[in-house]
Amino acid sequence: MTARALAAVLLLAALRATAAPGGPTGAKAAGAGEALGAPLQIVLLLTGLTLLPAVLVSLTPFLRISLVLHFLRQALGTQTAPSNQVLTGMALFLSLLFVQPVAREAYELGWRPFESGQLSSSQAWEQGTRPVKDFLLKFTREKDLALMVEITRAPAPSSPKELGLTVIAPAYILSELRRGFQIGAVLFLPFLVVDLVVASLTLSIGMVQLPPVMISAPLKILLFVLVDGWNLLIGSLMRSF
């Protein structure tokens, strides 16, 4: 259901981009879906599906979660454990928990009325992207929005909700990158202390030939397991949204 709803939103975007300027609007248009025909709908849908991975990676909590998980792996010093596939899968399924209600609401507000011919493609796009904008704006800093408005040279809006997704989306990515790096820096601190203590002890007793990482790595893993680190980390990440 989530993938179908996201694909519907992307199809609306493609329909809106290809709609003629003087095309039909309102309920009397009998739906842009019928006017375009099934073959063109399939082409537009496949085009939208190619953008689906980029949307899931950049415009969902996947961005922050994946960053934090990779920072954690670097802090633990385990190199390839957990593997990239495991971290990506965990970030994906955790992201779907938050994306599913938003995608369902966008589907109900935009695609369903458009499919039944009650709205034109432009009207369905406005209705369907409204919950997406609300979700993104919750985690977007005003400073990043102002930067994107300045870059695009768009007129300053009276409210952030008046901005388009072309402005909100990159601002959201900037905000999430900042938060992900902030959490990653905090994660590094306790493990950095362990590394410093182990390095000082090994040097003080003359164990120069033994790399400190050989001792600190199992200690960091043991510490992480004893404090139930996965539960604490994932719980904190979920509550941050």
Protein backbone atom coordinates (compact mmCIF):
# COMPACT_ATOMS: atom_id res chain seq x y z
CA MET A 1 0.00 0.00 0.00
CA THR A 2 2.80 2.42 0.83
CA ALA A 3 4.65 1.81 -2.44
CA ARG A 4 1.41 2.14 -4.40
CA ALA A 5 0.55 5.42 -2.71
CA LEU A 6 4.02 6.84 -3.31
CA ALA A 7 3.87 5.74 -6.93
CA ALA A 8 0.48 7.45 -7.24
CA VAL A 9 1.93 10.71 -5.97
CA LEU A 10 4.81 10.45 -8.44
CA LEU A 11 2.35 9.72 -11.25
CA LEU A 12 0.41 12.84 -10.31
CA ALA A 13 3.63 14.80 -10.55
CA ALA A 14 4.29 13.40 -14.02
CA LEU A 15 0.71 14.11 -15.09
CA ARG A 16 0.94 17.66 -13.81
CA ALA A 17 4.23 18.20 -15.65
CA THR A 18 2.85 16.89 -18.94
CA ALA A 19 -0.60 18.45 -18.70
CA ALA A 20 -1.41 21.03 -21.36
CA PRO A 21 -1.72 24.61 -20.11
CA GLY A 22 -5.24 24.88 -21.45
CA GLY A 23 -6.31 21.41 -20.44
CA PRO A 24 -9.58 20.54 -18.71
CA THR A 25 -9.99 21.23 -15.02
CA GLY A 26 -12.54 20.27 -12.41
CA ALA A 27 -14.94 17.37 -12.23
CA LYS A 28 -16.28 17.94 -15.74
CA ALA A 29 -12.97 16.90 -17.21
CA ALA A 30 -13.92 13.30 -16.39
CA GLY A 31 -10.44 12.77 -15.01
CA ALA A 32 -7.10 13.30 -16.66
CA GLY A 33 -6.50 9.59 -16.29
CA GLU A 34 -9.24 8.80 -18.83
CA ALA A 35 -8.05 11.57 -21.18
CA LEU A 36 -4.49 10.27 -21.25
CA GLY A 37 -5.37 6.66 -21.85
CA ALA A 38 -3.96 3.46 -20.37
CA PRO A 39 -0.70 3.23 -22.40
CA LEU A 40 0.39 6.76 -21.49
CA GLN A 41 -0.60 6.19 -17.87
CA ILE A 42 1.65 3.11 -17.79
CA VAL A 43 4.56 5.06 -19.29
CA LEU A 44 4.14 7.85 -16.75
CA LEU A 45 3.79 5.37 -13.91
CA LEU A 46 7.00 3.58 -14.89
CA THR A 47 8.73 6.96 -15.12
CA GLY A 48 7.49 7.80 -11.64
CA LEU A 49 8.65 4.46 -10.28
CA THR A 50 12.21 5.20 -11.38
CA LEU A 51 12.14 8.18 -9.01
CA LEU A 52 10.71 6.13 -6.15
CA PRO A 53 14.11 4.95 -4.74
CA ALA A 54 15.42 8.53 -4.69
CA VAL A 55 12.26 9.70 -2.93
CA LEU A 56 12.47 6.95 -0.32
CA VAL A 57 16.16 7.60 0.34
CA SER A 58 16.06 11.40 0.45
CA LEU A 59 12.58 12.51 1.50
CA THR A 60 11.82 10.06 4.29
CA PRO A 61 13.33 9.32 7.73
CA PHE A 62 15.56 6.82 5.87
CA LEU A 63 18.13 9.59 5.43
CA ARG A 64 18.61 10.29 9.13
CA ILE A 65 18.33 6.65 10.23
CA SER A 66 20.84 5.36 7.69
CA LEU A 67 23.33 8.10 8.58
CA VAL A 68 23.11 7.32 12.30
CA LEU A 69 23.45 3.56 11.76
CA HIS A 70 26.56 4.02 9.63
CA PHE A 71 28.06 6.39 12.19
CA LEU A 72 27.39 3.76 14.85
CA ARG A 73 29.20 1.09 12.87
CA GLN A 74 32.19 3.37 12.43
CA ALA A 75 32.20 4.23 16.13
CA LEU A 76 32.14 0.55 17.10
CA GLY A 77 34.99 -0.15 14.70
CA THR A 78 33.35 -3.32 13.34
CA GLN A 79 34.01 -2.26 9.71
CA THR A 80 31.47 -4.46 7.90
CA ALA A 81 29.26 -5.77 10.71
CA PRO A 82 26.35 -5.23 10.43
CA SER A 83 26.59 -5.31 6.65
CA ASN A 84 25.31 -2.52 4.41
CA GLN A 85 22.35 -4.67 3.42
CA VAL A 86 21.29 -5.13 7.05
CA LEU A 87 21.62 -1.43 7.87
CA THR A 88 19.78 -0.42 4.71
CA GLY A 89 16.98 -2.90 5.39
CA MET A 90 16.60 -1.73 8.98
CA ALA A 91 16.50 1.92 7.91
CA LEU A 92 13.98 1.12 5.17
CA PHE A 93 11.50 -0.75 7.37
CA LEU A 94 11.77 1.81 10.16
CA SER A 95 11.13 4.57 7.63
CA LEU A 96 8.01 2.82 6.32
CA LEU A 97 6.48 3.08 9.80
CA PHE A 98 6.41 6.87 9.39
CA VAL A 99 5.84 7.08 5.65
CA GLN A 100 2.84 4.75 5.52
CA PRO A 101 0.27 7.09 7.16
CA VAL A 102 1.48 10.06 5.08
CA ALA A 103 1.41 8.08 1.84
CA ARG A 104 -2.05 6.71 2.62
CA GLU A 105 -3.38 10.21 3.31
CA ALA A 106 -1.84 11.54 0.09
CA TYR A 107 -3.39 8.64 -1.80
CA GLU A 108 -6.83 9.28 -0.35
CA LEU A 109 -6.73 13.05 -0.90
CA GLY A 110 -5.09 13.12 -4.32
CA TRP A 111 -5.06 9.94 -6.33
CA ARG A 112 -8.43 8.44 -5.40
CA PRO A 113 -10.48 11.55 -6.40
CA PHE A 114 -8.34 11.97 -9.50
CA GLU A 115 -8.89 8.34 -10.52
CA SER A 116 -12.64 8.73 -10.12
CA GLY A 117 -12.64 11.91 -12.22
CA GLN A 118 -13.53 14.31 -9.40
CA LEU A 119 -10.28 16.32 -9.69
CA SER A 120 -7.95 17.35 -12.46
CA SER A 121 -4.28 16.44 -12.34
CA SER A 122 -3.24 19.86 -11.01
CA GLN A 123 -5.94 19.83 -8.33
CA ALA A 124 -5.08 16.26 -7.35
CA TRP A 125 -1.41 17.24 -7.10
CA GLU A 126 -2.21 20.12 -4.76
CA GLN A 127 -4.42 17.94 -2.58
CA GLY A 128 -2.13 14.91 -2.61
CA THR A 129 1.08 16.77 -1.78
CA ARG A 130 -0.43 18.67 1.14
CA PRO A 131 0.24 15.91 3.76
CA VAL A 132 3.70 15.36 2.25
CA LYS A 133 4.53 19.05 2.70
CA ASP A 134 3.22 19.01 6.28
CA PHE A 135 5.41 16.00 7.08
CA LEU A 136 8.55 17.49 5.56
CA LEU A 137 8.04 20.89 7.16
CA LYS A 138 7.95 19.31 10.63
CA PHE A 139 11.65 18.46 10.33
CA THR A 140 12.86 21.34 8.16
CA ARG A 141 14.64 24.33 9.63
CA GLU A 142 13.55 27.81 8.65
CA LYS A 143 17.18 28.66 7.92
CA ASP A 144 17.38 25.93 5.28
CA LEU A 145 14.04 26.99 3.80
CA ALA A 146 15.30 30.57 3.58
CA LEU A 147 18.45 29.36 1.81
CA MET A 148 16.43 27.44 -0.79
CA VAL A 149 14.11 30.42 -1.33
CA GLU A 150 17.17 32.61 -1.86
CA ILE A 151 18.75 30.13 -4.28
CA THR A 152 15.56 29.74 -6.34
CA ARG A 153 14.88 33.49 -6.13
CA ALA A 154 11.28 32.74 -5.29
CA PRO A 155 9.16 35.42 -3.62
CA ALA A 156 9.16 35.20 0.16
CA PRO A 157 5.95 33.45 1.28
CA SER A 158 3.82 34.49 4.21
CA SER A 159 3.81 30.87 5.43
CA PRO A 160 6.14 27.90 4.76
CA LYS A 161 3.13 25.88 3.59
CA GLU A 162 2.88 28.14 0.56
CA LEU A 163 6.24 26.88 -0.71
CA GLY A 164 6.43 24.17 -3.34
CA LEU A 165 8.07 20.78 -2.99
CA THR A 166 10.94 21.96 -5.19
CA VAL A 167 11.93 24.27 -2.31
CA ILE A 168 10.87 22.15 0.67
CA ALA A 169 12.53 18.91 -0.49
CA PRO A 170 16.17 20.13 -0.66
CA ALA A 171 15.68 22.13 2.55
CA TYR A 172 14.45 18.96 4.28
CA ILE A 173 17.50 17.03 3.06
CA LEU A 174 19.84 19.70 4.43
CA SER A 175 18.08 19.66 7.81
CA GLU A 176 18.17 15.87 8.04
CA LEU A 177 21.85 15.74 7.12
CA ARG A 178 22.59 18.19 9.92
CA ARG A 179 20.61 16.19 12.48
CA GLY A 180 22.16 12.92 11.35
CA PHE A 181 25.68 14.28 11.77
CA GLN A 182 24.78 15.75 15.17
CA ILE A 183 23.54 12.38 16.43
CA GLY A 184 26.56 10.65 14.91
CA ALA A 185 28.96 12.99 16.73
CA VAL A 186 27.23 12.28 20.05
CA LEU A 187 27.42 8.52 19.35
CA PHE A 188 31.15 8.73 18.78
CA LEU A 189 31.93 10.35 22.16
CA PRO A 190 31.59 7.35 24.55
CA PHE A 191 33.43 5.03 22.16
CA LEU A 192 36.14 7.65 21.69
CA VAL A 193 36.66 7.69 25.45
CA VAL A 194 37.12 3.90 25.41
CA ASP A 195 39.68 4.21 22.61
CA LEU A 196 41.62 6.90 24.49
CA VAL A 197 41.67 4.91 27.75
CA VAL A 198 42.81 1.70 26.04
CA ALA A 199 45.49 3.55 24.04
CA SER A 200 46.82 5.21 27.20
CA LEU A 201 46.94 1.91 29.11
CA THR A 202 48.68 0.00 26.34
CA LEU A 203 51.32 2.71 25.96
CA SER A 204 51.86 3.03 29.70
CA ILE A 205 52.63 -0.69 30.11
CA GLY A 206 54.87 -0.78 27.03
CA MET A 207 52.60 -2.75 24.68
CA VAL A 208 53.71 -0.75 21.67
CA GLN A 209 53.50 -3.61 19.18
CA LEU A 210 49.85 -4.37 20.00
CA PRO A 211 47.40 -2.07 18.17
CA PRO A 212 45.00 -0.49 20.71
CA VAL A 213 42.08 -1.24 18.40
CA MET A 214 42.58 -4.96 19.02
CA ILE A 215 41.63 -4.40 22.65
CA SER A 216 39.20 -1.51 22.36
CA ALA A 217 37.00 -3.10 19.68
CA PRO A 218 35.74 -6.03 21.81
CA LEU A 219 35.38 -3.71 24.81
CA LYS A 220 33.21 -1.31 22.82
CA ILE A 221 31.04 -4.14 21.52
CA LEU A 222 30.68 -5.55 25.03
CA LEU A 223 29.74 -2.12 26.40
CA PHE A 224 27.19 -1.62 23.63
CA VAL A 225 25.59 -5.00 24.30
CA LEU A 226 25.52 -4.54 28.09
CA VAL A 227 23.63 -1.24 27.87
CA ASP A 228 21.20 -2.74 25.31
CA GLY A 229 22.47 -0.27 22.74
CA TRP A 230 20.26 -1.29 19.83
CA ASN A 231 17.10 -0.81 21.85
CA LEU A 232 18.28 2.56 23.17
CA LEU A 233 19.43 3.81 19.78
CA ILE A 234 16.39 2.76 17.77
CA GLY A 235 14.03 3.96 20.51
CA SER A 236 15.72 7.37 20.63
CA LEU A 237 15.70 7.64 16.84
CA MET A 238 12.00 6.82 16.60
CA ARG A 239 11.13 9.30 19.33
CA SER A 240 13.11 12.00 17.53
CA PHE A 241 10.46 11.92 14.80
